[in-house]
Amino acid sequence: ISEADAESTVAEVRQRLADAGLYDLQEPSLEIALPDHLFEDHTLAQLARELGLDDEDWLPKAALEDDPDRPTDPHGGDPFEVFPVSDWDRYEFVEFIGRGGMGDVFKAKDPRLGRHVALKFLRRDDPDQIKRFVREAQVQAKVDHENLCQVYEVGEVNGLSYISMQYIAGGTIKEIADMLTLRDKVAIMVDVADALHAAHQAGLIHRDIKPANVLVERQLDGRWHPYVVDFGIAREIDTPHDLTVSGMVLGTPAFCAPEQVRGENSKLDRRTDVYGLGATLYWFLTGQSPYAGAYPEVIAGVAERDPVPPHRLDRSIPVDLETIVLKCLEKDQDRRYDTARGLSEDLRRFLAREPISARPAGVLYKLGKRVRRHPGLTALTL
């Protein structure tokens, strides 16, 4: 809100406290202290719930009495945001969070352990979808890393499969990008790369690394703690590809590796995730994905064209950082970092102002790529 609005609100609160004789109380009633219109403000409701407050802790009694359905439907009856289970003693509904690629996600309270969780429910009663849905939980549960979203439980209620996961009280890196310095962004990607390395060591590849799948939570010391989420299309490296179809593009095209957009699922490995990390870092630095446009343009760009070097979009981006990003985005898997740990180590060198291991592509290599891409045109030029 504006400074004038803030001052006006503070003045109104002070006057209410004075009128009610509550200035000497350490914990005055919110119902008396705050302007009425703030109780109807959705932002205030979200803040209260992020602090772990139940509606009864902060809402005026009149608001609760006027809205008896509030505990199960705070969004005015939107059929797509209603908690799918009623009278459930395992989890208590708090609010709708959002919609993922495979299911709807809700914030809920686990009364047994006294903590909030994120519950994901499958939207469709499709056997294949359910199989992938449960598999997502099994995949994530295999890896224990501080920067990977934890899976607590997999179950079924009223015929609906669900996953109980760690609740992250924050948003995606998209929501905080403008608040961060360049070094903050690099530090976040160091942690994300380390998390992916842990997944790779456990025999898993994510296949859908992008800004929307990196959530962040503010720590007490002010630092941002990232979490990699949504292993919905991940697979175990050494298992058969029974849940994928050859030629099917799995992932988000703008952040997919060339082998993904070509549907070459047998070639996907940890370096595919390294590409996704590079594409995400590219977006973090420039504000746009390496390839933009309509779906066909993005697919063609990922498969055939080199991305615009980041410094052409923002001259303040250091050369070493651009070199790291472009190494991740190489079309040839063998020219990328061999592991996500290799990427995180180079990013650490950058932060420490030490020489990085990556080197810019040489003139001969660039010329060779041009010859392979346009043999007729190159021969004519020569």
Protein backbone atom coordinates (compact mmCIF):
# COMPACT_ATOMS: atom_id res chain seq x y z
CA ILE A 1 0.00 0.00 0.00
CA SER A 2 1.07 3.63 -0.38
CA GLU A 3 2.81 5.50 2.42
CA ALA A 4 -0.27 7.72 2.84
CA ASP A 5 -2.57 4.69 3.16
CA ALA A 6 -0.20 3.12 5.67
CA GLU A 7 -0.15 6.23 7.82
CA SER A 8 -3.93 6.48 7.65
CA THR A 9 -4.36 2.86 8.73
CA VAL A 10 -1.88 3.23 11.60
CA ALA A 11 -3.69 6.36 12.76
CA GLU A 12 -7.03 4.55 12.69
CA VAL A 13 -5.61 1.64 14.71
CA ARG A 14 -4.18 4.03 17.29
CA GLN A 15 -7.49 5.80 17.63
CA ARG A 16 -9.35 2.52 18.09
CA LEU A 17 -6.91 1.41 20.78
CA ALA A 18 -7.27 4.74 22.56
CA ASP A 19 -11.07 4.70 22.33
CA ALA A 20 -11.19 1.16 23.71
CA GLY A 21 -8.69 1.91 26.47
CA LEU A 22 -6.39 -0.83 25.23
CA TYR A 23 -3.13 1.05 24.84
CA ASP A 24 -1.72 -0.60 27.97
CA LEU A 25 -2.56 -4.16 26.87
CA GLN A 26 0.27 -6.28 25.44
CA GLU A 27 -2.05 -8.27 23.15
CA PRO A 28 -5.08 -6.14 22.17
CA SER A 29 -7.88 -7.84 20.27
CA LEU A 30 -7.42 -7.74 16.51
CA GLU A 31 -11.18 -7.39 16.17
CA ILE A 32 -11.05 -4.07 18.07
CA ALA A 33 -7.69 -2.80 16.81
CA LEU A 34 -7.93 -3.31 13.07
CA PRO A 35 -10.21 -1.53 10.57
CA ASP A 36 -13.16 -3.70 9.53
CA HIS A 37 -12.26 -3.74 5.85
CA LEU A 38 -8.95 -5.49 6.55
CA PHE A 39 -10.76 -8.59 7.81
CA GLU A 40 -12.18 -9.06 4.32
CA ASP A 41 -8.83 -8.54 2.63
CA HIS A 42 -7.47 -11.76 1.11
CA THR A 43 -3.87 -10.64 1.61
CA LEU A 44 -4.38 -10.39 5.37
CA ALA A 45 -5.96 -13.85 5.37
CA GLN A 46 -2.99 -15.33 3.54
CA LEU A 47 -0.54 -13.67 5.93
CA ALA A 48 -2.39 -14.98 8.98
CA ARG A 49 -2.35 -18.52 7.62
CA GLU A 50 1.32 -18.35 6.66
CA LEU A 51 1.96 -17.51 10.34
CA GLY A 52 0.10 -20.70 11.29
CA LEU A 53 -2.98 -18.94 12.68
CA ASP A 54 -6.35 -20.62 12.47
CA ASP A 55 -9.32 -18.50 11.41
CA GLU A 56 -10.59 -18.50 14.98
CA ASP A 57 -7.34 -16.87 16.10
CA TRP A 58 -7.75 -13.69 14.10
CA LEU A 59 -11.15 -13.41 12.39
CA PRO A 60 -13.99 -11.49 14.11
CA LYS A 61 -16.71 -13.82 15.42
CA ALA A 62 -19.22 -12.20 13.09
CA ALA A 63 -17.14 -13.18 10.05
CA LEU A 64 -17.01 -16.80 11.19
CA GLU A 65 -20.74 -16.91 11.93
CA ASP A 66 -21.63 -15.35 8.58
CA ASP A 67 -19.52 -17.90 6.70
CA PRO A 68 -20.10 -21.37 8.19
CA ASP A 69 -18.57 -23.05 5.14
CA ARG A 70 -15.26 -21.20 5.46
CA PRO A 71 -13.18 -24.15 6.76
CA THR A 72 -13.86 -26.15 3.62
CA ASP A 73 -14.38 -23.53 0.94
CA PRO A 74 -12.68 -20.13 1.42
CA HIS A 75 -12.93 -19.24 -2.27
CA GLY A 76 -16.63 -18.64 -2.55
CA GLY A 77 -17.60 -22.06 -3.84
CA ASP A 78 -15.26 -22.39 -6.82
CA PRO A 79 -15.74 -26.08 -7.73
CA PHE A 80 -12.12 -26.41 -8.83
CA GLU A 81 -10.75 -25.19 -5.48
CA VAL A 82 -12.92 -27.16 -3.05
CA PHE A 83 -11.15 -29.67 -0.82
CA PRO A 84 -12.16 -33.08 -2.23
CA VAL A 85 -12.62 -34.83 1.14
CA SER A 86 -15.03 -33.93 3.94
CA ASP A 87 -15.06 -35.14 7.57
CA TRP A 88 -11.49 -36.44 7.31
CA ASP A 89 -9.67 -36.94 10.61
CA ARG A 90 -6.23 -37.45 9.02
CA TYR A 91 -5.73 -33.90 7.71
CA GLU A 92 -7.52 -30.60 8.29
CA PHE A 93 -8.07 -28.39 5.25
CA VAL A 94 -6.54 -24.89 5.33
CA GLU A 95 -6.60 -23.51 1.81
CA PHE A 96 -6.22 -24.21 -1.89
CA ILE A 97 -2.64 -23.67 -3.11
CA GLY A 98 -2.69 -24.33 -6.83
CA ARG A 99 -2.90 -26.75 -9.70
CA GLY A 100 0.04 -28.87 -10.85
CA GLY A 101 0.54 -30.96 -13.94
CA MET A 102 -1.00 -34.03 -12.32
CA GLY A 103 -3.16 -32.84 -9.47
CA ASP A 104 -4.59 -30.11 -7.27
CA VAL A 105 -2.55 -29.00 -4.27
CA PHE A 106 -3.98 -27.91 -0.91
CA LYS A 107 -2.47 -26.66 2.31
CA ALA A 108 -3.59 -28.80 5.25
CA LYS A 109 -2.75 -29.36 8.88
CA ASP A 110 -1.54 -32.69 10.23
CA PRO A 111 -3.11 -32.83 13.74
CA ARG A 112 -0.99 -35.81 14.75
CA LEU A 113 2.32 -34.01 14.28
CA GLY A 114 1.05 -30.45 14.55
CA ARG A 115 2.51 -29.26 11.25
CA HIS A 116 1.27 -27.94 7.94
CA VAL A 117 1.63 -30.08 4.82
CA ALA A 118 0.98 -29.75 1.12
CA LEU A 119 -1.54 -32.35 -0.08
CA LYS A 120 -1.69 -33.24 -3.76
CA PHE A 121 -4.80 -35.01 -5.07
CA LEU A 122 -5.15 -36.58 -8.50
CA ARG A 123 -7.83 -34.83 -10.53
CA ARG A 124 -8.83 -37.75 -12.76
CA ASP A 125 -9.57 -41.38 -12.03
CA ASP A 126 -7.16 -42.60 -14.69
CA PRO A 127 -5.18 -45.78 -13.82
CA ASP A 128 -2.09 -44.64 -15.76
CA GLN A 129 -2.21 -41.19 -14.17
CA ILE A 130 -2.59 -42.70 -10.73
CA LYS A 131 0.39 -44.95 -11.39
CA ARG A 132 2.53 -41.93 -12.31
CA PHE A 133 1.08 -39.96 -9.40
CA VAL A 134 2.11 -42.54 -6.80
CA ARG A 135 5.43 -42.96 -8.57
CA GLU A 136 6.16 -39.27 -8.09
CA ALA A 137 6.00 -39.76 -4.33
CA GLN A 138 8.15 -42.88 -4.43
CA VAL A 139 10.74 -41.06 -6.52
CA GLN A 140 10.95 -38.04 -4.22
CA ALA A 141 10.98 -40.16 -1.07
CA LYS A 142 14.17 -41.85 -2.27
CA VAL A 143 16.25 -38.70 -1.91
CA ASP A 144 16.98 -36.91 1.35
CA HIS A 145 18.42 -33.44 0.71
CA GLU A 146 17.72 -30.12 2.38
CA ASN A 147 16.89 -28.52 -0.98
CA LEU A 148 14.46 -31.19 -2.18
CA CYS A 149 10.81 -31.07 -1.11
CA GLN A 150 10.22 -33.96 1.33
CA VAL A 151 7.48 -36.55 0.87
CA TYR A 152 5.82 -37.62 4.12
CA GLU A 153 3.10 -40.05 3.10
CA VAL A 154 1.31 -41.67 0.17
CA GLY A 155 -2.27 -42.81 0.63
CA GLU A 156 -5.82 -43.09 -0.60
CA VAL A 157 -9.06 -41.69 0.82
CA ASN A 158 -12.56 -42.03 -0.63
CA GLY A 159 -11.02 -43.51 -3.79
CA LEU A 160 -8.65 -40.56 -4.24
CA SER A 161 -4.88 -40.99 -4.24
CA TYR A 162 -2.89 -38.33 -2.43
CA ILE A 163 0.65 -37.38 -1.50
CA SER A 164 1.46 -35.55 1.72
CA MET A 165 4.51 -33.36 1.21
CA GLN A 166 6.53 -30.71 3.01
CA TYR A 167 4.68 -27.39 3.02
CA ILE A 168 6.92 -24.58 1.81
CA ALA A 169 5.81 -21.17 3.07
CA GLY A 170 6.91 -19.24 0.03
CA GLY A 171 6.57 -18.93 -3.71
CA THR A 172 8.58 -19.66 -6.83
CA ILE A 173 11.73 -17.82 -7.84
CA LYS A 174 9.55 -15.98 -10.36
CA GLU A 175 7.92 -14.13 -7.49
CA ILE A 176 11.14 -12.87 -5.89
CA ALA A 177 13.42 -12.41 -8.91
CA ASP A 178 13.14 -8.61 -8.84
CA MET A 179 14.14 -8.56 -5.16
CA LEU A 180 17.42 -10.38 -5.66
CA THR A 181 20.93 -9.31 -6.54
CA LEU A 182 22.87 -11.22 -9.17
CA ARG A 183 24.89 -12.96 -6.46
CA ASP A 184 21.68 -13.95 -4.64
CA LYS A 185 20.42 -15.60 -7.82
CA VAL A 186 23.66 -17.49 -8.35
CA ALA A 187 23.69 -18.66 -4.72
CA ILE A 188 20.15 -20.04 -5.11
CA MET A 189 21.14 -21.93 -8.25
CA VAL A 190 24.16 -23.42 -6.42
CA ASP A 191 21.76 -25.03 -3.94
CA VAL A 192 19.38 -26.16 -6.71
CA ALA A 193 22.24 -27.79 -8.63
CA ASP A 194 23.44 -29.57 -5.49
CA ALA A 195 19.91 -30.88 -4.89
CA LEU A 196 19.72 -32.24 -8.44
CA HIS A 197 23.13 -33.86 -8.00
CA ALA A 198 21.78 -35.71 -4.95
CA ALA A 199 18.81 -36.91 -7.01
CA HIS A 200 21.13 -38.05 -9.78
CA GLN A 201 23.28 -39.99 -7.32
CA ALA A 202 20.13 -41.78 -6.19
CA GLY A 203 19.55 -42.79 -9.83
CA LEU A 204 16.86 -40.22 -10.67
CA ILE A 205 16.54 -37.49 -13.27
CA HIS A 206 13.94 -34.74 -12.93
CA ARG A 207 13.35 -33.81 -16.61
CA ASP A 208 11.35 -30.65 -15.87
CA ILE A 209 13.68 -28.14 -14.22
CA LYS A 210 12.24 -24.64 -14.67
CA PRO A 211 11.55 -21.53 -12.54
CA ALA A 212 8.08 -22.76 -11.54
CA ASN A 213 9.60 -25.90 -10.01
CA VAL A 214 11.99 -24.01 -7.73
CA LEU A 215 10.25 -22.75 -4.61
CA VAL A 216 11.94 -20.47 -2.09
CA GLU A 217 11.39 -19.82 1.61
CA ARG A 218 12.85 -16.90 3.57
CA GLN A 219 15.00 -17.96 6.53
CA LEU A 220 15.28 -16.15 9.86
CA ASP A 221 18.72 -14.84 8.88
CA GLY A 222 17.25 -13.32 5.69
CA ARG A 223 18.69 -15.87 3.28
CA TRP A 224 16.54 -17.61 0.67
CA HIS A 225 16.28 -21.38 0.93
CA PRO A 226 15.31 -23.03 -2.39
CA TYR A 227 13.49 -26.33 -2.86
CA VAL A 228 13.22 -28.41 -6.02
CA VAL A 229 9.65 -29.68 -6.41
CA ASP A 230 7.42 -31.65 -8.78
CA PHE A 231 9.14 -34.88 -9.73
CA GLY A 232 5.95 -35.82 -11.60
CA ILE A 233 7.74 -36.78 -14.81
CA ALA A 234 11.00 -37.94 -13.25
CA ARG A 235 12.20 -41.45 -13.87
CA GLU A 236 14.80 -43.80 -12.52
CA ILE A 237 17.80 -43.90 -14.80
CA ASP A 238 18.14 -47.68 -14.80
CA THR A 239 14.46 -48.64 -15.13
CA PRO A 240 12.52 -49.41 -18.32
CA HIS A 241 10.64 -46.51 -19.90
CA ASP A 242 7.25 -48.13 -19.34
CA LEU A 243 5.60 -44.88 -18.34
CA THR A 244 6.73 -42.84 -21.32
CA VAL A 245 6.05 -42.98 -25.02
CA SER A 246 8.83 -42.73 -27.59
CA GLY A 247 8.60 -39.42 -29.45
CA MET A 248 6.58 -37.78 -26.67
CA VAL A 249 7.93 -34.44 -25.39
CA LEU A 250 8.05 -34.62 -21.60
CA GLY A 251 8.74 -31.34 -19.82
CA THR A 252 8.24 -27.66 -20.53
CA PRO A 253 9.50 -26.91 -24.07
CA ALA A 254 11.06 -23.51 -23.30
CA PHE A 255 13.30 -25.19 -20.68
CA CYS A 256 13.69 -28.60 -22.34
CA ALA A 257 16.95 -29.95 -23.69
CA PRO A 258 17.26 -30.72 -27.44
CA GLU A 259 17.09 -34.46 -26.82
CA GLN A 260 13.76 -33.90 -25.03
CA VAL A 261 12.09 -31.85 -27.76
CA ARG A 262 13.18 -34.46 -30.30
CA GLY A 263 11.42 -37.10 -28.19
CA GLU A 264 14.62 -39.10 -27.77
CA ASN A 265 13.71 -40.40 -24.33
CA SER A 266 16.38 -43.11 -24.37
CA LYS A 267 19.06 -40.38 -24.45
CA LEU A 268 17.84 -38.51 -21.38
CA ASP A 269 20.31 -38.52 -18.49
CA ARG A 270 21.67 -36.21 -15.78
CA ARG A 271 23.00 -33.83 -18.45
CA THR A 272 19.39 -33.25 -19.50
CA ASP A 273 18.83 -31.75 -16.06
CA VAL A 274 22.05 -29.74 -16.43
CA TYR A 275 20.47 -28.15 -19.50
CA GLY A 276 17.33 -27.35 -17.48
CA LEU A 277 19.50 -25.75 -14.79
CA GLY A 278 21.21 -23.63 -17.43
CA ALA A 279 17.89 -22.60 -18.98
CA THR A 280 16.57 -21.64 -15.54
CA LEU A 281 19.70 -19.63 -14.75
CA TYR A 282 19.40 -17.94 -18.17
CA TRP A 283 15.86 -16.89 -17.26
CA PHE A 284 16.99 -15.79 -13.78
CA LEU A 285 19.61 -13.49 -15.30
CA THR A 286 17.73 -12.11 -18.31
CA GLY A 287 14.05 -12.36 -17.38
CA GLN A 288 13.25 -14.59 -20.36
CA SER A 289 13.73 -18.20 -21.40
CA PRO A 290 16.47 -19.09 -23.91
CA TYR A 291 13.84 -19.51 -26.64
CA ALA A 292 10.57 -17.60 -26.91
CA GLY A 293 7.60 -17.58 -29.25
CA ALA A 294 4.84 -19.98 -30.21
CA TYR A 295 5.24 -23.70 -29.56
CA PRO A 296 6.69 -24.56 -33.03
CA GLU A 297 9.19 -21.69 -32.78
CA VAL A 298 10.35 -22.77 -29.34
CA ILE A 299 10.76 -26.40 -30.43
CA ALA A 300 12.70 -25.38 -33.54
CA GLY A 301 14.88 -22.99 -31.55
CA VAL A 302 15.79 -25.55 -28.89
CA ALA A 303 16.62 -28.17 -31.51
CA GLU A 304 18.42 -26.01 -34.10
CA ARG A 305 19.49 -22.52 -32.93
CA ASP A 306 21.94 -21.25 -30.35
CA PRO A 307 20.39 -19.01 -27.68
CA VAL A 308 21.06 -15.28 -27.71
CA PRO A 309 24.07 -14.74 -25.38
CA PRO A 310 22.80 -13.32 -22.07
CA HIS A 311 25.06 -10.22 -22.19
CA ARG A 312 23.30 -9.08 -25.37
CA LEU A 313 20.11 -8.85 -23.33
CA ASP A 314 21.79 -7.35 -20.26
CA ARG A 315 25.27 -5.87 -20.57
CA SER A 316 25.81 -6.10 -16.80
CA ILE A 317 25.94 -9.92 -16.86
CA PRO A 318 29.57 -11.01 -16.26
CA VAL A 319 31.37 -12.90 -19.01
CA ASP A 320 32.24 -15.83 -16.75
CA LEU A 321 28.60 -16.29 -15.75
CA GLU A 322 27.51 -16.19 -19.37
CA THR A 323 30.13 -18.82 -20.19
CA ILE A 324 28.74 -21.09 -17.47
CA VAL A 325 25.18 -20.67 -18.74
CA LEU A 326 26.08 -21.34 -22.37
CA LYS A 327 28.04 -24.46 -21.43
CA CYS A 328 24.87 -25.83 -19.80
CA LEU A 329 22.87 -25.01 -22.95
CA GLU A 330 25.10 -26.82 -25.43
CA LYS A 331 23.16 -28.92 -27.97
CA ASP A 332 25.75 -31.69 -27.65
CA GLN A 333 25.28 -33.42 -24.28
CA ASP A 334 29.00 -34.23 -24.13
CA ARG A 335 29.87 -30.51 -24.13
CA ARG A 336 27.70 -29.70 -21.10
CA TYR A 337 28.83 -30.14 -17.52
CA ASP A 338 28.98 -33.86 -16.93
CA THR A 339 27.22 -33.51 -13.58
CA ALA A 340 25.08 -30.98 -11.74
CA ARG A 341 27.83 -30.91 -9.11
CA GLY A 342 30.26 -29.74 -11.80
CA LEU A 343 27.92 -26.82 -12.47
CA SER A 344 27.51 -25.93 -8.79
CA GLU A 345 31.29 -25.99 -8.30
CA ASP A 346 31.81 -23.57 -11.19
CA LEU A 347 29.11 -21.29 -9.79
CA ARG A 348 30.90 -21.37 -6.44
CA ARG A 349 34.14 -20.39 -8.17
CA PHE A 350 32.31 -17.47 -9.76
CA LEU A 351 30.98 -16.34 -6.36
CA ALA A 352 34.46 -16.66 -4.87
CA ARG A 353 35.90 -14.64 -7.80
CA GLU A 354 38.09 -17.59 -8.78
CA PRO A 355 38.78 -18.79 -12.34
CA ILE A 356 35.96 -21.00 -13.66
CA SER A 357 36.54 -24.32 -15.42
CA ALA A 358 34.21 -23.59 -18.36
CA ARG A 359 35.67 -21.99 -21.46
CA PRO A 360 33.89 -20.06 -24.23
CA ALA A 361 33.36 -21.96 -27.46
CA GLY A 362 36.25 -21.34 -29.87
CA VAL A 363 36.01 -19.96 -33.40
CA LEU A 364 36.70 -23.33 -35.04
CA TYR A 365 33.97 -25.04 -33.00
CA LYS A 366 31.46 -22.31 -33.92
CA LEU A 367 32.43 -22.57 -37.58
CA GLY A 368 32.09 -26.36 -37.44
CA LYS A 369 28.57 -26.06 -36.04
CA ARG A 370 27.65 -23.64 -38.80
CA VAL A 371 28.99 -26.02 -41.45
CA ARG A 372 27.00 -28.93 -40.02
CA ARG A 373 23.84 -26.80 -39.79
CA HIS A 374 24.07 -25.12 -43.22
CA PRO A 375 26.46 -27.15 -45.40
CA GLY A 376 25.18 -25.76 -48.70
CA LEU A 377 25.28 -22.12 -47.64
CA THR A 378 28.71 -22.48 -46.07
CA ALA A 379 30.17 -24.15 -49.18
CA LEU A 380 28.77 -21.36 -51.35
CA THR A 381 30.34 -18.74 -49.06
CA LEU A 382 33.71 -20.44 -49.23
